[in-house]
Protein backbone atom coordinates (compact mmCIF):
# COMPACT_ATOMS: atom_id res chain seq x y z
CA MET A 1 141.10 213.61 99.87
CA ASN A 2 144.52 212.04 100.44
CA LYS A 3 146.20 215.43 99.87
CA ILE A 4 143.99 216.98 102.55
CA ILE A 5 144.92 214.29 105.07
CA VAL A 6 148.63 214.54 104.28
CA SER A 7 148.48 218.34 104.54
CA LEU A 8 146.64 218.10 107.85
CA LEU A 9 149.22 215.70 109.28
CA ALA A 10 152.10 217.86 108.05
CA GLY A 11 150.50 220.92 109.64
CA ILE A 12 150.09 219.09 112.92
CA ALA A 13 153.72 217.98 112.91
CA ILE A 14 155.01 221.48 112.14
CA GLY A 15 152.69 222.97 114.74
CA LEU A 16 153.97 220.62 117.42
CA LEU A 17 157.58 221.47 116.57
CA VAL A 18 157.18 225.25 116.73
CA ALA A 19 154.42 225.53 119.35
CA PRO A 20 155.17 227.96 122.20
CA ALA A 21 153.38 225.79 124.77
CA LYS A 22 154.60 222.55 126.31
CA GLY A 23 154.11 219.47 124.17
CA SER A 24 151.48 217.95 126.45
CA GLU A 25 149.44 221.20 126.46
CA THR A 26 149.71 221.55 122.69
CA TRP A 27 148.67 217.94 122.22
CA ARG A 28 145.64 218.39 124.52
CA ARG A 29 144.52 221.50 122.61
CA LEU A 30 144.97 219.65 119.32
CA VAL A 31 142.87 216.68 120.48
CA ASP A 32 140.17 219.01 121.83
CA GLY A 33 140.05 220.81 118.47
CA LEU A 34 139.80 217.55 116.55
CA ASP A 35 136.97 216.38 118.80
CA GLU A 36 135.10 219.60 118.07
CA TYR A 37 135.47 219.11 114.30
CA LYS A 38 134.43 215.46 114.63
CA ASP A 39 131.25 216.49 116.46
CA LYS A 40 130.45 219.07 113.76
CA ALA A 41 131.02 216.47 111.04
CA ILE A 42 128.68 214.01 112.75
CA GLU A 43 125.98 216.68 113.06
CA GLY A 44 126.40 217.59 109.40
CA SER A 45 126.20 213.97 108.28
CA GLU A 46 122.80 213.61 109.95
CA ASP A 47 121.49 216.49 107.83
CA VAL A 48 122.93 214.93 104.69
CA TYR A 49 121.36 211.59 105.59
CA GLU A 50 117.91 213.14 106.05
CA SER A 51 118.20 215.06 102.77
CA GLY A 52 119.25 211.90 100.95
CA LYS A 53 116.40 209.95 102.49
CA HIS A 54 113.92 212.58 101.31
CA LEU A 55 115.38 212.59 97.80
CA MET A 56 115.17 208.79 97.62
CA LYS A 57 111.49 208.84 98.60
CA GLU A 58 110.79 211.54 96.04
CA GLY A 59 112.68 209.64 93.34
CA LYS A 60 110.87 206.40 94.15
CA SER A 61 107.54 208.19 93.90
CA ASN A 62 108.51 209.71 90.53
CA VAL A 63 109.63 206.36 89.13
CA LYS A 64 106.43 204.70 90.33
CA SER A 65 104.33 207.43 88.71
CA GLU A 66 106.21 207.24 85.41
CA THR A 67 105.96 203.45 85.39
CA THR A 68 102.22 203.60 85.93
CA ASP A 69 101.83 206.18 83.13
CA LEU A 70 103.91 204.02 80.77
CA GLN A 71 101.88 200.91 81.60
CA ASP A 72 98.65 202.83 80.95
CA ARG A 73 99.93 203.99 77.54
CA ILE A 74 101.04 200.49 76.57
CA LEU A 75 97.79 198.85 77.63
CA SER A 76 95.58 201.50 75.96
């Protein structure tokens, strides 16, 4: 993860140095692009959250069922 961040920052720095547009225009385009990726990441995290929530409910149900079965076997 750290390598990705360092690579991203290095790419940004190089891009700003060799960009054909003015610095302020390049910076604005960069910020707009980062905002777009941030929005996509937030949307994706909601899907991951819902999937995780579903898996937790399913796991809880399975554990409860197995516990009940084990108690029945022990008490029989």
